[in-house]
């Protein structure tokens, strides 16, 4: 599914480019939310494993993703198009 989303992103970027519409994909890492029954948020062991696997040493929070998307939508990023943008604190690097 992830590969299909990335191909769709590039296809739509090419298709909508003449209309000056940019298309990108945001790929968040492990975020402490209720996704998967809150396993990253509510399970200290899983949260620690995620934190240990990231360059910044912690699991992500919803507030880590929203501002990144807001910046992507700003005029400052008008030239970013057809990209998969990973927002994961350097997970598994």
C-alpha atoms as a PDB file:
ATOM      1  CA  UNK A   1       0.000   0.000   0.000  1.00  0.00           C
ATOM      2  CA  UNK A   2       2.796   2.422   0.853  1.00  0.00           C
ATOM      3  CA  UNK A   3       4.368   1.939  -2.565  1.00  0.00           C
ATOM      4  CA  UNK A   4       1.032   2.562  -4.252  1.00  0.00           C
ATOM      5  CA  UNK A   5       0.571   5.811  -2.322  1.00  0.00           C
ATOM      6  CA  UNK A   6       4.027   6.986  -3.390  1.00  0.00           C
ATOM      7  CA  UNK A   7       3.332   6.182  -7.050  1.00  0.00           C
ATOM      8  CA  UNK A   8      -0.050   7.925  -6.799  1.00  0.00           C
ATOM      9  CA  UNK A   9       1.686  10.969  -5.277  1.00  0.00           C
ATOM     10  CA  UNK A  10       4.089  11.241  -8.227  1.00  0.00           C
ATOM     11  CA  UNK A  11       1.331  10.636 -10.759  1.00  0.00           C
ATOM     12  CA  UNK A  12      -0.917  13.308  -9.232  1.00  0.00           C
ATOM     13  CA  UNK A  13       1.998  15.753  -8.967  1.00  0.00           C
ATOM     14  CA  UNK A  14       2.604  15.371 -12.708  1.00  0.00           C
ATOM     15  CA  UNK A  15      -1.105  15.522 -13.547  1.00  0.00           C
ATOM     16  CA  UNK A  16      -1.889  18.539 -11.362  1.00  0.00           C
ATOM     17  CA  UNK A  17       1.379  20.417 -11.901  1.00  0.00           C
ATOM     18  CA  UNK A  18       0.035  22.473 -14.835  1.00  0.00           C
ATOM     19  CA  UNK A  19      -2.651  23.764 -12.447  1.00  0.00           C
ATOM     20  CA  UNK A  20       0.085  24.774  -9.968  1.00  0.00           C
ATOM     21  CA  UNK A  21      -1.063  22.170  -7.445  1.00  0.00           C
ATOM     22  CA  UNK A  22       1.703  20.395  -5.533  1.00  0.00           C
ATOM     23  CA  UNK A  23       1.159  16.876  -4.246  1.00  0.00           C
ATOM     24  CA  UNK A  24       3.278  15.317  -1.494  1.00  0.00           C
ATOM     25  CA  UNK A  25       3.004  12.425   0.937  1.00  0.00           C
ATOM     26  CA  UNK A  26       3.757  12.741   4.648  1.00  0.00           C
ATOM     27  CA  UNK A  27       4.957   9.523   6.287  1.00  0.00           C
ATOM     28  CA  UNK A  28       4.931   9.901  10.067  1.00  0.00           C
ATOM     29  CA  UNK A  29       6.920   7.550  12.253  1.00  0.00           C
ATOM     30  CA  UNK A  30       5.717   6.080  15.529  1.00  0.00           C
ATOM     31  CA  UNK A  31       3.417   8.685  17.073  1.00  0.00           C
ATOM     32  CA  UNK A  32       1.920   8.422  20.570  1.00  0.00           C
ATOM     33  CA  UNK A  33      -1.773   8.456  19.613  1.00  0.00           C
ATOM     34  CA  UNK A  34      -4.716   6.070  19.901  1.00  0.00           C
ATOM     35  CA  UNK A  35      -3.682   4.411  16.609  1.00  0.00           C
ATOM     36  CA  UNK A  36      -3.290   0.638  17.118  1.00  0.00           C
ATOM     37  CA  UNK A  37      -5.134   0.891  20.422  1.00  0.00           C
ATOM     38  CA  UNK A  38      -2.624   3.465  21.709  1.00  0.00           C
ATOM     39  CA  UNK A  39       0.242   0.987  21.839  1.00  0.00           C
ATOM     40  CA  UNK A  40       3.005   3.620  21.511  1.00  0.00           C
ATOM     41  CA  UNK A  41       1.222   6.057  23.803  1.00  0.00           C
ATOM     42  CA  UNK A  42       0.030   3.638  26.498  1.00  0.00           C
ATOM     43  CA  UNK A  43       2.678   0.920  26.607  1.00  0.00           C
ATOM     44  CA  UNK A  44       5.866   2.197  28.299  1.00  0.00           C
ATOM     45  CA  UNK A  45       7.938  -0.701  26.940  1.00  0.00           C
ATOM     46  CA  UNK A  46       6.958  -0.041  23.324  1.00  0.00           C
ATOM     47  CA  UNK A  47       7.356   3.702  23.817  1.00  0.00           C
ATOM     48  CA  UNK A  48      10.904   3.125  25.139  1.00  0.00           C
ATOM     49  CA  UNK A  49      11.786   0.816  22.224  1.00  0.00           C
ATOM     50  CA  UNK A  50      10.608   3.478  19.775  1.00  0.00           C
ATOM     51  CA  UNK A  51      12.511   6.191  21.673  1.00  0.00           C
ATOM     52  CA  UNK A  52      15.687   4.091  21.638  1.00  0.00           C
ATOM     53  CA  UNK A  53      15.379   3.618  17.862  1.00  0.00           C
ATOM     54  CA  UNK A  54      15.113   7.342  17.037  1.00  0.00           C
ATOM     55  CA  UNK A  55      17.907   9.875  16.629  1.00  0.00           C
ATOM     56  CA  UNK A  56      16.090  12.376  18.869  1.00  0.00           C
ATOM     57  CA  UNK A  57      15.436   9.795  21.592  1.00  0.00           C
ATOM     58  CA  UNK A  58      11.658   9.838  21.933  1.00  0.00           C
ATOM     59  CA  UNK A  59       8.448   8.727  20.282  1.00  0.00           C
ATOM     60  CA  UNK A  60       6.614  11.334  18.265  1.00  0.00           C
ATOM     61  CA  UNK A  61       3.678  13.370  19.470  1.00  0.00           C
ATOM     62  CA  UNK A  62       0.759  14.666  17.398  1.00  0.00           C
ATOM     63  CA  UNK A  63       2.141  18.181  17.872  1.00  0.00           C
ATOM     64  CA  UNK A  64       5.312  17.083  16.056  1.00  0.00           C
ATOM     65  CA  UNK A  65       3.394  16.332  12.859  1.00  0.00           C
ATOM     66  CA  UNK A  66       0.898  19.202  12.585  1.00  0.00           C
ATOM     67  CA  UNK A  67       3.455  22.026  12.401  1.00  0.00           C
ATOM     68  CA  UNK A  68       5.438  20.114   9.768  1.00  0.00           C
ATOM     69  CA  UNK A  69       2.337  19.795   7.601  1.00  0.00           C
ATOM     70  CA  UNK A  70       1.506  23.477   8.161  1.00  0.00           C
ATOM     71  CA  UNK A  71       5.007  24.430   7.017  1.00  0.00           C
ATOM     72  CA  UNK A  72       4.661  22.197   3.961  1.00  0.00           C
ATOM     73  CA  UNK A  73       1.479  24.056   3.039  1.00  0.00           C
ATOM     74  CA  UNK A  74       3.148  27.459   3.384  1.00  0.00           C
ATOM     75  CA  UNK A  75       4.316  29.487   0.419  1.00  0.00           C
ATOM     76  CA  UNK A  76       7.901  28.904   1.617  1.00  0.00           C
ATOM     77  CA  UNK A  77       7.624  25.305   0.378  1.00  0.00           C
ATOM     78  CA  UNK A  78       5.959  26.041  -2.948  1.00  0.00           C
ATOM     79  CA  UNK A  79       8.730  24.193  -4.833  1.00  0.00           C
ATOM     80  CA  UNK A  80       8.331  20.922  -2.908  1.00  0.00           C
ATOM     81  CA  UNK A  81       6.410  18.536  -5.128  1.00  0.00           C
ATOM     82  CA  UNK A  82       6.062  14.768  -5.704  1.00  0.00           C
ATOM     83  CA  UNK A  83       7.928  13.938  -2.487  1.00  0.00           C
ATOM     84  CA  UNK A  84       7.519  11.397   0.286  1.00  0.00           C
ATOM     85  CA  UNK A  85       8.427  13.296   3.429  1.00  0.00           C
ATOM     86  CA  UNK A  86       9.293  11.099   6.377  1.00  0.00           C
ATOM     87  CA  UNK A  87       8.650  12.687   9.774  1.00  0.00           C
ATOM     88  CA  UNK A  88      10.077  10.107  12.163  1.00  0.00           C
ATOM     89  CA  UNK A  89      12.870  11.659  14.233  1.00  0.00           C
ATOM     90  CA  UNK A  90      15.357   9.574  12.292  1.00  0.00           C
ATOM     91  CA  UNK A  91      13.787   6.228  13.137  1.00  0.00           C
ATOM     92  CA  UNK A  92      16.254   3.342  12.586  1.00  0.00           C
ATOM     93  CA  UNK A  93      19.135   5.402  11.197  1.00  0.00           C
END
